[in-house]
Amino acid sequence: MGENLTLGYLPIIIFIIAIFLLGTGMMVASQLFGRLAGRHYPTEEKSSTYECGVPPIKDAHHRLDVRFYLVAMLFILFDIEVVFLYPWAVLFEKFNPIIFGFVEMVTFIVILLFGYIYIWRKGALNWR
């Protein structure tokens, strides 16, 4: 019984060893080729902050407007709540009675809609 258990884990062990060897080999090859090229001269431009090819405008340590964080939190909140619609749609036919599942989801969407109207009227989505 012990042999069968060990043989079951053999592909996983081989995979882990292969990944370790591949990662180590890539790091060693990178260092080796970098030293063979012999051109490692850090300049001011190479050491500067890289922002997707665009020259940096300001220092990276400046404060952002709170509206960025507010919109991000609202996006996460509504995005996560919309994720609950998928399992409901998959199991919709299994609700007994079916009207129960429909009423529950309408209630959920109405509460979500009230939250959306509230943040809209409070001006959380205004950028002016």
Protein backbone atom coordinates (compact mmCIF):
# COMPACT_ATOMS: atom_id res chain seq x y z
CA MET A 1 0.00 0.00 0.00
CA GLY A 2 2.88 2.38 0.76
CA GLU A 3 4.37 1.85 -2.70
CA ASN A 4 1.11 2.75 -4.45
CA LEU A 5 0.81 5.94 -2.43
CA THR A 6 4.36 6.99 -3.31
CA LEU A 7 3.84 6.20 -6.99
CA GLY A 8 0.74 8.39 -7.01
CA TYR A 9 2.83 11.38 -5.96
CA LEU A 10 5.70 10.65 -8.37
CA PRO A 11 4.45 12.90 -11.22
CA ILE A 12 3.99 15.80 -8.78
CA ILE A 13 7.49 15.29 -7.35
CA ILE A 14 8.97 15.16 -10.86
CA PHE A 15 7.05 18.33 -11.80
CA ILE A 16 8.31 20.22 -8.72
CA ILE A 17 11.90 19.16 -9.42
CA ALA A 18 11.59 20.16 -13.08
CA ILE A 19 10.18 23.59 -12.16
CA PHE A 20 12.96 24.15 -9.62
CA LEU A 21 15.64 23.16 -12.16
CA LEU A 22 14.06 25.30 -14.89
CA GLY A 23 13.82 28.38 -12.65
CA THR A 24 17.36 27.95 -11.33
CA GLY A 25 18.69 27.35 -14.85
CA MET A 26 17.04 30.51 -16.17
CA MET A 27 18.49 32.64 -13.36
CA VAL A 28 21.98 31.17 -13.85
CA ALA A 29 21.77 31.64 -17.64
CA SER A 30 20.66 35.27 -17.18
CA GLN A 31 23.60 36.03 -14.91
CA LEU A 32 26.03 34.18 -17.17
CA PHE A 33 24.92 35.90 -20.38
CA GLY A 34 24.88 39.26 -18.61
CA ARG A 35 28.48 38.84 -17.51
CA LEU A 36 29.57 37.54 -20.91
CA ALA A 37 28.11 40.60 -22.61
CA GLY A 38 30.21 42.73 -20.27
CA ARG A 39 28.09 45.84 -20.72
CA HIS A 40 26.56 46.52 -17.36
CA TYR A 41 26.97 50.25 -16.93
CA PRO A 42 24.13 51.73 -14.86
CA THR A 43 23.40 55.23 -16.07
CA GLU A 44 21.01 57.81 -14.66
CA GLU A 45 18.47 56.96 -17.36
CA LYS A 46 18.68 53.22 -16.68
CA SER A 47 18.28 53.80 -12.94
CA SER A 48 15.27 56.13 -13.27
CA THR A 49 11.66 55.11 -12.69
CA TYR A 50 10.07 53.38 -15.67
CA GLU A 51 6.41 54.19 -16.27
CA CYS A 52 5.40 52.31 -19.42
CA GLY A 53 7.71 54.28 -21.66
CA VAL A 54 6.39 57.65 -20.54
CA PRO A 55 8.86 59.93 -18.75
CA PRO A 56 7.83 60.41 -15.11
CA ILE A 57 6.06 63.72 -14.51
CA LYS A 58 6.21 63.93 -10.72
CA ASP A 59 7.69 62.12 -7.81
CA ALA A 60 6.00 58.77 -7.17
CA HIS A 61 5.29 59.70 -3.56
CA HIS A 62 2.59 62.34 -4.03
CA ARG A 63 -0.90 62.20 -2.56
CA LEU A 64 -3.83 61.18 -4.70
CA ASP A 65 -7.31 62.62 -4.47
CA VAL A 66 -9.64 60.63 -2.23
CA ARG A 67 -12.07 60.26 -5.15
CA PHE A 68 -9.75 57.69 -6.74
CA TYR A 69 -10.01 55.49 -3.66
CA LEU A 70 -13.75 56.06 -3.37
CA VAL A 71 -14.39 55.00 -6.96
CA ALA A 72 -12.13 51.98 -6.52
CA MET A 73 -14.01 50.87 -3.40
CA LEU A 74 -17.37 51.39 -5.08
CA PHE A 75 -16.23 49.40 -8.10
CA ILE A 76 -15.11 46.51 -5.91
CA LEU A 77 -18.34 46.65 -3.90
CA PHE A 78 -20.65 46.56 -6.91
CA ASP A 79 -18.44 44.14 -8.82
CA ILE A 80 -18.49 41.60 -6.00
CA GLU A 81 -22.23 41.93 -5.56
CA VAL A 82 -22.86 41.36 -9.25
CA VAL A 83 -20.86 38.12 -8.98
CA PHE A 84 -23.71 36.76 -6.83
CA LEU A 85 -25.98 36.87 -9.88
CA TYR A 86 -24.16 33.99 -11.59
CA PRO A 87 -24.80 31.21 -9.02
CA TRP A 88 -28.41 32.38 -8.75
CA ALA A 89 -28.84 32.09 -12.52
CA VAL A 90 -27.31 28.60 -12.55
CA LEU A 91 -29.58 27.34 -9.76
CA PHE A 92 -32.70 29.29 -10.74
CA GLU A 93 -34.69 26.24 -11.90
CA LYS A 94 -33.93 24.33 -8.68
CA PHE A 95 -35.70 26.83 -6.41
CA ASN A 96 -38.89 25.42 -4.98
CA PRO A 97 -41.17 27.29 -5.55
CA ILE A 98 -39.49 29.12 -8.41
CA ILE A 99 -41.10 32.44 -7.44
CA PHE A 100 -39.09 32.35 -4.18
CA GLY A 101 -35.78 32.58 -6.06
CA PHE A 102 -37.13 35.32 -8.29
CA VAL A 103 -38.40 37.43 -5.38
CA GLU A 104 -35.10 36.99 -3.52
CA MET A 105 -33.08 38.23 -6.51
CA VAL A 106 -35.44 41.14 -7.19
CA THR A 107 -35.01 42.15 -3.53
CA PHE A 108 -31.22 41.89 -3.87
CA ILE A 109 -31.19 44.01 -7.05
CA VAL A 110 -33.53 46.63 -5.53
CA ILE A 111 -31.24 46.99 -2.49
CA LEU A 112 -28.27 47.28 -4.85
CA LEU A 113 -30.13 49.88 -6.91
CA PHE A 114 -30.92 51.94 -3.80
CA GLY A 115 -27.23 51.87 -2.88
CA TYR A 116 -26.30 53.01 -6.37
CA ILE A 117 -28.85 55.85 -6.30
CA TYR A 118 -27.58 56.89 -2.86
CA ILE A 119 -23.93 57.17 -3.97
CA TRP A 120 -25.01 58.92 -7.16
CA ARG A 121 -27.02 61.55 -5.24
CA LYS A 122 -24.20 62.03 -2.72
CA GLY A 123 -21.93 62.92 -5.65
CA ALA A 124 -19.45 60.08 -5.20
CA LEU A 125 -19.30 59.57 -8.96
CA ASN A 126 -18.84 63.26 -9.88
CA TRP A 127 -15.37 64.28 -11.03
CA ARG A 128 -15.91 68.07 -11.01
